[in-house]
């Protein structure tokens, strides 16, 4: 426990010496300990450099511009692909039309009709006869 020390040097105590002082002697106290809590220090916001703020805004704006540019390019490519598909479909339709014309004009009935009416040709009444040619005789004739 703490002891009260009062000096007895003079008969008339001075106001400074009559002050009550307590000295710790190693004994436990009675449990009434006054603990003063330290208050929170004021929060100081950290100052940000204007360079970082401007840099961040510039970077964000560049990213937004690239994103929009990418979207516009993709849309242009989609339109171009659709145009090429339409052109391909037109070419395929024209090709089918030309194939149909070729088949129509190369039909045997049409050729027979034109040959009899315009050229005066007649169809043979006998079937053609096939014969084999001897290659050794063909060489003699060809020389």
N, C-alpha and C. Protein backbone atom coordinates (compact mmCIF):
# COMPACT_ATOMS: atom_id res chain seq x y z
N UNK A 1 0.83 -1.16 0.00
CA UNK A 1 0.00 0.00 0.00
C UNK A 1 0.89 1.23 0.00
N UNK A 2 0.36 2.31 -0.48
CA UNK A 2 1.13 3.53 -0.56
C UNK A 2 1.11 4.25 0.78
N UNK A 3 2.22 4.83 1.15
CA UNK A 3 2.34 5.56 2.42
C UNK A 3 2.31 7.04 2.16
N UNK A 4 1.75 7.74 3.08
CA UNK A 4 1.73 9.19 2.99
C UNK A 4 2.98 9.72 3.65
N UNK A 5 3.73 10.52 2.90
CA UNK A 5 4.96 11.09 3.43
C UNK A 5 4.71 12.59 3.60
N UNK A 6 4.89 13.05 4.77
CA UNK A 6 4.77 14.48 5.01
C UNK A 6 6.04 14.95 5.69
N UNK A 7 6.68 15.91 5.17
CA UNK A 7 7.95 16.37 5.75
C UNK A 7 7.70 17.19 7.02
N UNK A 8 8.56 17.01 8.00
CA UNK A 8 8.45 17.75 9.25
C UNK A 8 9.73 18.53 9.50
N UNK A 9 10.09 19.27 8.60
CA UNK A 9 11.33 20.01 8.71
C UNK A 9 11.08 21.31 9.48
N UNK A 10 10.06 22.01 9.20
CA UNK A 10 9.78 23.28 9.86
C UNK A 10 8.48 23.18 10.62
N UNK A 11 8.29 24.09 11.49
CA UNK A 11 7.04 24.11 12.23
C UNK A 11 5.91 24.67 11.39
N UNK A 12 6.22 25.59 10.55
CA UNK A 12 5.19 26.15 9.69
C UNK A 12 5.35 25.53 8.30
N UNK A 13 4.51 24.73 8.02
CA UNK A 13 4.63 24.06 6.72
C UNK A 13 4.32 25.02 5.57
N UNK A 14 5.08 24.92 4.55
CA UNK A 14 4.81 25.72 3.36
C UNK A 14 3.76 24.99 2.51
N UNK A 15 3.08 25.73 1.67
CA UNK A 15 2.02 25.08 0.88
C UNK A 15 2.59 24.02 -0.06
N UNK A 16 3.86 24.13 -0.44
CA UNK A 16 4.43 23.14 -1.33
C UNK A 16 4.72 21.86 -0.57
N UNK A 17 5.09 21.94 0.71
CA UNK A 17 5.47 20.76 1.45
C UNK A 17 4.27 20.03 2.02
N UNK A 18 3.18 20.68 2.15
CA UNK A 18 2.00 20.02 2.69
C UNK A 18 1.27 19.23 1.64
N UNK A 19 1.78 19.20 0.48
CA UNK A 19 1.18 18.45 -0.61
C UNK A 19 1.27 16.96 -0.29
N UNK A 20 0.26 16.23 -0.55
CA UNK A 20 0.25 14.80 -0.26
C UNK A 20 0.89 14.05 -1.43
N UNK A 21 1.94 13.34 -1.06
CA UNK A 21 2.61 12.53 -2.07
C UNK A 21 2.51 11.08 -1.67
N UNK A 22 2.35 10.28 -2.69
CA UNK A 22 2.27 8.85 -2.44
C UNK A 22 3.45 8.17 -3.12
N UNK A 23 4.09 7.26 -2.41
CA UNK A 23 5.22 6.53 -2.94
C UNK A 23 4.83 5.07 -3.00
N UNK A 24 5.13 4.46 -4.10
CA UNK A 24 4.80 3.05 -4.27
C UNK A 24 5.85 2.21 -3.57
N UNK A 25 5.39 1.32 -2.68
CA UNK A 25 6.33 0.50 -1.96
C UNK A 25 6.24 -0.97 -2.33
N UNK A 26 5.51 -1.32 -3.36
CA UNK A 26 5.44 -2.69 -3.82
C UNK A 26 4.20 -3.42 -3.36
N UNK A 27 3.38 -2.84 -2.53
CA UNK A 27 2.16 -3.51 -2.08
C UNK A 27 1.03 -3.24 -3.06
N UNK A 28 0.04 -4.15 -3.07
CA UNK A 28 -1.09 -4.02 -3.98
C UNK A 28 -2.01 -2.90 -3.52
N UNK A 29 -2.64 -2.29 -4.45
CA UNK A 29 -3.56 -1.20 -4.11
C UNK A 29 -4.94 -1.77 -3.85
N UNK A 30 -5.86 -0.96 -3.47
CA UNK A 30 -7.20 -1.41 -3.10
C UNK A 30 -8.08 -1.68 -4.32
N UNK A 31 -7.60 -1.57 -5.51
CA UNK A 31 -8.36 -1.91 -6.70
C UNK A 31 -9.01 -0.72 -7.36
N UNK A 32 -8.90 0.40 -6.76
CA UNK A 32 -9.48 1.60 -7.38
C UNK A 32 -8.41 2.29 -8.20
N UNK A 33 -8.26 1.80 -9.41
CA UNK A 33 -7.24 2.35 -10.29
C UNK A 33 -7.96 3.22 -11.32
N UNK A 34 -7.52 4.40 -11.39
CA UNK A 34 -8.10 5.29 -12.38
C UNK A 34 -7.28 5.19 -13.66
N UNK A 35 -7.95 4.71 -14.66
CA UNK A 35 -7.29 4.56 -15.95
C UNK A 35 -7.86 5.64 -16.86
N UNK A 36 -6.99 6.44 -17.33
CA UNK A 36 -7.44 7.46 -18.28
C UNK A 36 -7.28 6.91 -19.69
N UNK A 37 -8.36 6.89 -20.40
CA UNK A 37 -8.31 6.39 -21.78
C UNK A 37 -7.86 7.49 -22.71
N UNK A 38 -7.01 7.08 -23.55
CA UNK A 38 -6.50 8.03 -24.51
C UNK A 38 -7.55 8.22 -25.60
N UNK A 39 -7.88 9.41 -25.89
CA UNK A 39 -8.88 9.69 -26.91
C UNK A 39 -8.31 9.46 -28.30
N UNK A 40 -9.20 9.28 -29.24
CA UNK A 40 -8.76 9.09 -30.63
C UNK A 40 -8.15 10.38 -31.14
N UNK A 41 -7.07 10.21 -31.82
CA UNK A 41 -6.46 11.39 -32.40
C UNK A 41 -7.29 11.80 -33.61
N UNK A 42 -7.27 13.02 -33.96
CA UNK A 42 -8.09 13.46 -35.09
C UNK A 42 -7.62 12.80 -36.39
N UNK A 43 -8.60 12.39 -37.18
CA UNK A 43 -8.30 11.72 -38.44
C UNK A 43 -7.90 12.76 -39.46
N UNK A 44 -6.74 12.56 -40.00
CA UNK A 44 -6.26 13.46 -41.04
C UNK A 44 -6.34 12.74 -42.37
N UNK A 45 -7.07 13.30 -43.28
CA UNK A 45 -7.15 12.66 -44.59
C UNK A 45 -5.85 12.88 -45.33
N UNK A 46 -5.43 11.84 -45.99
CA UNK A 46 -4.16 11.89 -46.71
C UNK A 46 -4.36 12.69 -47.99
N UNK A 47 -3.50 13.60 -48.21
CA UNK A 47 -3.62 14.43 -49.40
C UNK A 47 -3.18 13.62 -50.62
N UNK A 48 -4.01 13.67 -51.66
CA UNK A 48 -3.67 12.98 -52.89
C UNK A 48 -3.10 13.98 -53.88
N UNK A 49 -2.14 13.51 -54.58
CA UNK A 49 -1.47 14.38 -55.54
C UNK A 49 -2.39 14.63 -56.73
N UNK A 50 -2.47 15.83 -57.23
CA UNK A 50 -3.30 16.09 -58.41
C UNK A 50 -2.79 15.32 -59.63
N UNK A 51 -1.51 15.01 -59.65
CA UNK A 51 -0.96 14.23 -60.76
C UNK A 51 -1.63 12.86 -60.83
N UNK A 52 -1.79 12.19 -59.68
CA UNK A 52 -2.42 10.87 -59.66
C UNK A 52 -3.89 10.95 -60.05
N UNK A 53 -4.57 11.98 -59.62
CA UNK A 53 -5.98 12.13 -59.95
C UNK A 53 -6.14 12.37 -61.46
N UNK A 54 -5.33 13.26 -62.00
CA UNK A 54 -5.40 13.54 -63.43
C UNK A 54 -4.96 12.31 -64.23
N UNK A 55 -3.94 11.63 -63.76
CA UNK A 55 -3.49 10.41 -64.44
C UNK A 55 -4.56 9.33 -64.44
N UNK A 56 -5.24 9.16 -63.33
CA UNK A 56 -6.31 8.17 -63.24
C UNK A 56 -7.46 8.54 -64.18
N UNK A 57 -7.84 9.80 -64.19
CA UNK A 57 -8.91 10.24 -65.10
C UNK A 57 -8.50 10.06 -66.56
N UNK A 58 -7.25 10.37 -66.87
CA UNK A 58 -6.77 10.20 -68.24
C UNK A 58 -6.79 8.72 -68.64
N UNK A 59 -6.32 7.86 -67.75
CA UNK A 59 -6.31 6.43 -68.03
C UNK A 59 -7.72 5.90 -68.22
N UNK A 60 -8.64 6.33 -67.36
CA UNK A 60 -10.03 5.89 -67.49
C UNK A 60 -10.62 6.36 -68.82
N UNK A 61 -10.33 7.60 -69.20
CA UNK A 61 -10.88 8.11 -70.46
C UNK A 61 -10.28 7.38 -71.66
N UNK A 62 -9.00 7.06 -71.60
CA UNK A 62 -8.37 6.31 -72.70
C UNK A 62 -8.99 4.91 -72.81
N UNK A 63 -9.21 4.27 -71.69
CA UNK A 63 -9.84 2.94 -71.72
C UNK A 63 -11.26 3.00 -72.28
N UNK A 64 -11.99 4.03 -71.92
CA UNK A 64 -13.35 4.18 -72.44
C UNK A 64 -13.32 4.42 -73.94
N UNK A 65 -12.38 5.25 -74.40
CA UNK A 65 -12.27 5.52 -75.84
C UNK A 65 -11.91 4.24 -76.59
N UNK A 66 -10.97 3.45 -76.07
CA UNK A 66 -10.62 2.19 -76.74
C UNK A 66 -11.79 1.22 -76.75
N UNK A 67 -12.57 1.17 -75.69
CA UNK A 67 -13.73 0.27 -75.63
C UNK A 67 -14.75 0.67 -76.70
N UNK A 68 -15.04 1.96 -76.79
CA UNK A 68 -16.01 2.43 -77.78
C UNK A 68 -15.48 2.22 -79.19
N UNK A 69 -14.19 2.47 -79.41
CA UNK A 69 -13.59 2.24 -80.71
C UNK A 69 -13.69 0.77 -81.11
N UNK A 70 -13.46 -0.12 -80.15
CA UNK A 70 -13.56 -1.56 -80.40
C UNK A 70 -14.99 -1.92 -80.80
N UNK A 71 -15.97 -1.38 -80.08
CA UNK A 71 -17.37 -1.67 -80.40
C UNK A 71 -17.72 -1.19 -81.80
N UNK A 72 -17.25 0.01 -82.17
CA UNK A 72 -17.55 0.54 -83.50
C UNK A 72 -16.91 -0.32 -84.57
N UNK A 73 -15.67 -0.74 -84.36
CA UNK A 73 -14.99 -1.60 -85.34
C UNK A 73 -15.69 -2.94 -85.49
N UNK A 74 -16.13 -3.51 -84.38
CA UNK A 74 -16.84 -4.79 -84.45
C UNK A 74 -18.15 -4.63 -85.20
N UNK A 75 -18.86 -3.53 -84.96
CA UNK A 75 -20.11 -3.30 -85.67
C UNK A 75 -19.87 -3.13 -87.17
N UNK A 76 -18.80 -2.41 -87.54
CA UNK A 76 -18.47 -2.27 -88.95
C UNK A 76 -18.16 -3.62 -89.59
N UNK A 77 -17.42 -4.45 -88.87
CA UNK A 77 -17.07 -5.78 -89.40
C UNK A 77 -18.32 -6.65 -89.56
N UNK A 78 -19.24 -6.53 -88.62
CA UNK A 78 -20.49 -7.31 -88.73
C UNK A 78 -21.27 -6.88 -89.96
N UNK A 79 -21.36 -5.57 -90.20
CA UNK A 79 -22.05 -5.07 -91.39
C UNK A 79 -21.35 -5.56 -92.66
N UNK A 80 -20.02 -5.52 -92.66
CA UNK A 80 -19.26 -5.97 -93.82
C UNK A 80 -19.46 -7.47 -94.06
N UNK A 81 -19.48 -8.25 -93.01
CA UNK A 81 -19.71 -9.70 -93.15
C UNK A 81 -21.10 -9.96 -93.71
N UNK A 82 -22.10 -9.22 -93.23
CA UNK A 82 -23.46 -9.39 -93.77
C UNK A 82 -23.53 -9.00 -95.24
N UNK A 83 -22.83 -7.94 -95.63
CA UNK A 83 -22.79 -7.56 -97.04
C UNK A 83 -22.15 -8.66 -97.89
N UNK A 84 -21.04 -9.23 -97.39
CA UNK A 84 -20.38 -10.31 -98.14
C UNK A 84 -21.28 -11.55 -98.22
N UNK A 85 -22.03 -11.83 -97.16
CA UNK A 85 -22.95 -12.99 -97.22
C UNK A 85 -24.05 -12.75 -98.25
N UNK A 86 -24.59 -11.53 -98.27
CA UNK A 86 -25.62 -11.22 -99.26
C UNK A 86 -25.06 -11.33 -100.68
N UNK A 87 -23.85 -10.82 -100.88
CA UNK A 87 -23.21 -10.91 -102.19
C UNK A 87 -22.96 -12.38 -102.57
N UNK A 88 -22.55 -13.18 -101.61
CA UNK A 88 -22.32 -14.61 -101.87
C UNK A 88 -23.63 -15.30 -102.25
N UNK A 89 -24.71 -14.96 -101.55
CA UNK A 89 -26.02 -15.54 -101.89
C UNK A 89 -26.43 -15.16 -103.31
N UNK A 90 -26.20 -13.90 -103.70
CA UNK A 90 -26.55 -13.47 -105.06
C UNK A 90 -25.74 -14.24 -106.09
N UNK A 91 -24.45 -14.43 -105.82
CA UNK A 91 -23.59 -15.17 -106.75
C UNK A 91 -24.04 -16.62 -106.86
N UNK A 92 -24.39 -17.23 -105.71
CA UNK A 92 -24.87 -18.62 -105.75
C UNK A 92 -26.18 -18.72 -106.53
N UNK A 93 -27.08 -17.77 -106.35
CA UNK A 93 -28.34 -17.78 -107.11
C UNK A 93 -28.09 -17.61 -108.60
N UNK A 94 -27.17 -16.70 -108.96
CA UNK A 94 -26.84 -16.51 -110.37
C UNK A 94 -26.20 -17.78 -110.94
N UNK A 95 -25.36 -18.44 -110.17
CA UNK A 95 -24.71 -19.68 -110.61
C UNK A 95 -25.76 -20.78 -110.83
N UNK A 96 -26.72 -20.89 -109.92
CA UNK A 96 -27.78 -21.90 -110.09
C UNK A 96 -28.63 -21.59 -111.31
N UNK A 97 -28.90 -20.30 -111.53
CA UNK A 97 -29.68 -19.91 -112.71
C UNK A 97 -28.92 -20.28 -113.99
N UNK A 98 -27.61 -20.01 -114.03
CA UNK A 98 -26.81 -20.35 -115.21
C UNK A 98 -26.73 -21.86 -115.42
N UNK A 99 -26.61 -22.62 -114.35
CA UNK A 99 -26.61 -24.09 -114.48
C UNK A 99 -27.94 -24.58 -115.03
N UNK A 100 -29.03 -23.98 -114.58
CA UNK A 100 -30.35 -24.37 -115.09
C UNK A 100 -30.46 -24.04 -116.58
N UNK A 101 -29.92 -22.88 -117.00
CA UNK A 101 -29.92 -22.51 -118.42
C UNK A 101 -29.10 -23.50 -119.25
N UNK A 102 -27.94 -23.88 -118.71
CA UNK A 102 -27.08 -24.85 -119.44
C UNK A 102 -27.81 -26.17 -119.59
N UNK A 103 -28.44 -26.65 -118.52
CA UNK A 103 -29.18 -27.92 -118.61
C UNK A 103 -30.35 -27.82 -119.58
N UNK A 104 -31.01 -26.67 -119.59
CA UNK A 104 -32.15 -26.48 -120.49
C UNK A 104 -31.69 -26.46 -121.94
N UNK A 105 -30.60 -25.76 -122.23
CA UNK A 105 -30.15 -25.62 -123.61
C UNK A 105 -29.40 -26.85 -124.11
N UNK A 106 -28.91 -27.69 -123.21
CA UNK A 106 -28.21 -28.89 -123.66
C UNK A 106 -29.09 -30.13 -123.60
N UNK A 107 -30.38 -29.94 -123.43
CA UNK A 107 -31.27 -31.11 -123.40
C UNK A 107 -31.37 -31.71 -124.82
N UNK A 108 -31.53 -33.02 -124.89
CA UNK A 108 -31.54 -33.73 -126.17
C UNK A 108 -32.76 -33.35 -127.00
N UNK A 109 -33.89 -33.14 -126.38
CA UNK A 109 -35.11 -32.81 -127.12
C UNK A 109 -34.95 -31.47 -127.85
N UNK A 110 -34.36 -30.50 -127.20
CA UNK A 110 -34.17 -29.18 -127.81
C UNK A 110 -33.21 -29.27 -128.98
N UNK A 111 -32.13 -30.01 -128.79
CA UNK A 111 -31.13 -30.15 -129.86
C UNK A 111 -31.74 -30.85 -131.08
N UNK A 112 -32.55 -31.89 -130.84
CA UNK A 112 -33.21 -32.60 -131.95
C UNK A 112 -34.17 -31.67 -132.66
N UNK A 113 -34.91 -30.88 -131.94
CA UNK A 113 -35.89 -29.96 -132.52
C UNK A 113 -35.19 -28.92 -133.39
N UNK A 114 -34.11 -28.31 -132.88
CA UNK A 114 -33.39 -27.30 -133.65
C UNK A 114 -32.74 -27.92 -134.88
N UNK A 115 -32.19 -29.13 -134.74
CA UNK A 115 -31.50 -29.76 -135.88
C UNK A 115 -32.49 -30.14 -136.98
N UNK A 116 -33.69 -30.53 -136.66
CA UNK A 116 -34.67 -30.91 -137.70
C UNK A 116 -35.31 -29.68 -138.32
N UNK A 117 -35.63 -28.68 -137.51
CA UNK A 117 -36.35 -27.51 -138.04
C UNK A 117 -35.42 -26.55 -138.75
N UNK A 118 -34.33 -26.20 -138.17
CA UNK A 118 -33.48 -25.15 -138.73
C UNK A 118 -32.44 -25.69 -139.71
N UNK A 119 -31.90 -26.87 -139.42
CA UNK A 119 -30.81 -27.37 -140.25
C UNK A 119 -31.27 -28.44 -141.24
N UNK A 120 -32.47 -28.92 -141.10
CA UNK A 120 -32.99 -29.93 -142.03
C UNK A 120 -32.39 -31.30 -141.84
N UNK A 121 -31.86 -31.59 -140.72
CA UNK A 121 -31.29 -32.90 -140.46
C UNK A 121 -32.40 -33.87 -140.07
N UNK A 122 -32.15 -35.14 -140.35
CA UNK A 122 -33.13 -36.15 -139.95
C UNK A 122 -32.44 -37.18 -139.08
N UNK A 123 -33.23 -37.81 -138.22
CA UNK A 123 -32.69 -38.83 -137.32
C UNK A 123 -32.48 -40.10 -138.13
N UNK A 124 -31.40 -40.86 -137.92
CA UNK A 124 -31.17 -42.10 -138.67
C UNK A 124 -32.21 -43.16 -138.28
N UNK A 125 -32.56 -43.97 -139.25
CA UNK A 125 -33.56 -45.01 -139.00
C UNK A 125 -32.92 -46.26 -138.44
N UNK A 126 -31.63 -46.47 -138.69
CA UNK A 126 -30.91 -47.62 -138.17
C UNK A 126 -30.03 -47.18 -137.01
N UNK A 127 -29.77 -48.13 -136.18
CA UNK A 127 -28.85 -47.88 -135.06
C UNK A 127 -27.43 -47.88 -135.59
N UNK A 128 -26.56 -47.06 -135.06
CA UNK A 128 -25.17 -47.07 -135.53
C UNK A 128 -24.48 -48.38 -135.15
N UNK A 129 -23.55 -48.78 -135.99
CA UNK A 129 -22.83 -50.02 -135.77
C UNK A 129 -21.43 -49.66 -135.29
N UNK A 130 -21.02 -50.33 -134.27
CA UNK A 130 -19.69 -50.11 -133.71
C UNK A 130 -18.74 -51.16 -134.26
N UNK A 131 -17.57 -50.75 -134.61
CA UNK A 131 -16.58 -51.71 -135.08
C UNK A 131 -15.24 -51.34 -134.45
N UNK A 132 -14.40 -52.39 -134.34
CA UNK A 132 -13.09 -52.23 -133.73
C UNK A 132 -12.04 -52.08 -134.81
N UNK A 133 -11.09 -51.20 -134.54
CA UNK A 133 -10.01 -50.96 -135.49
C UNK A 133 -8.75 -51.60 -134.93
N UNK A 134 -8.05 -52.30 -135.79
CA UNK A 134 -6.80 -52.91 -135.40
C UNK A 134 -5.74 -51.81 -135.34
N UNK A 135 -5.04 -51.72 -134.19
CA UNK A 135 -4.08 -50.62 -134.01
C UNK A 135 -2.89 -50.73 -134.95
N UNK A 136 -2.51 -51.93 -135.31
CA UNK A 136 -1.36 -52.09 -136.21
C UNK A 136 -1.73 -51.56 -137.61
N UNK A 137 -2.96 -51.78 -138.07
CA UNK A 137 -3.39 -51.26 -139.36
C UNK A 137 -3.59 -49.75 -139.30
N UNK A 138 -3.98 -49.24 -138.12
CA UNK A 138 -4.20 -47.81 -138.00
C UNK A 138 -2.86 -47.08 -138.10
N UNK A 139 -1.81 -47.68 -137.63
CA UNK A 139 -0.49 -47.07 -137.75
C UNK A 139 -0.03 -46.99 -139.20
N UNK A 140 -0.36 -48.00 -139.96
CA UNK A 140 0.02 -48.04 -141.37
C UNK A 140 -0.73 -46.95 -142.13
N UNK A 141 -1.99 -46.80 -141.84
CA UNK A 141 -2.82 -45.80 -142.53
C UNK A 141 -2.39 -44.40 -142.12
N UNK A 142 -2.06 -44.24 -140.86
CA UNK A 142 -1.70 -42.90 -140.34
C UNK A 142 -0.36 -42.42 -140.82
N UNK A 143 0.51 -43.26 -141.33
CA UNK A 143 1.86 -42.83 -141.74
C UNK A 143 1.89 -42.18 -143.01
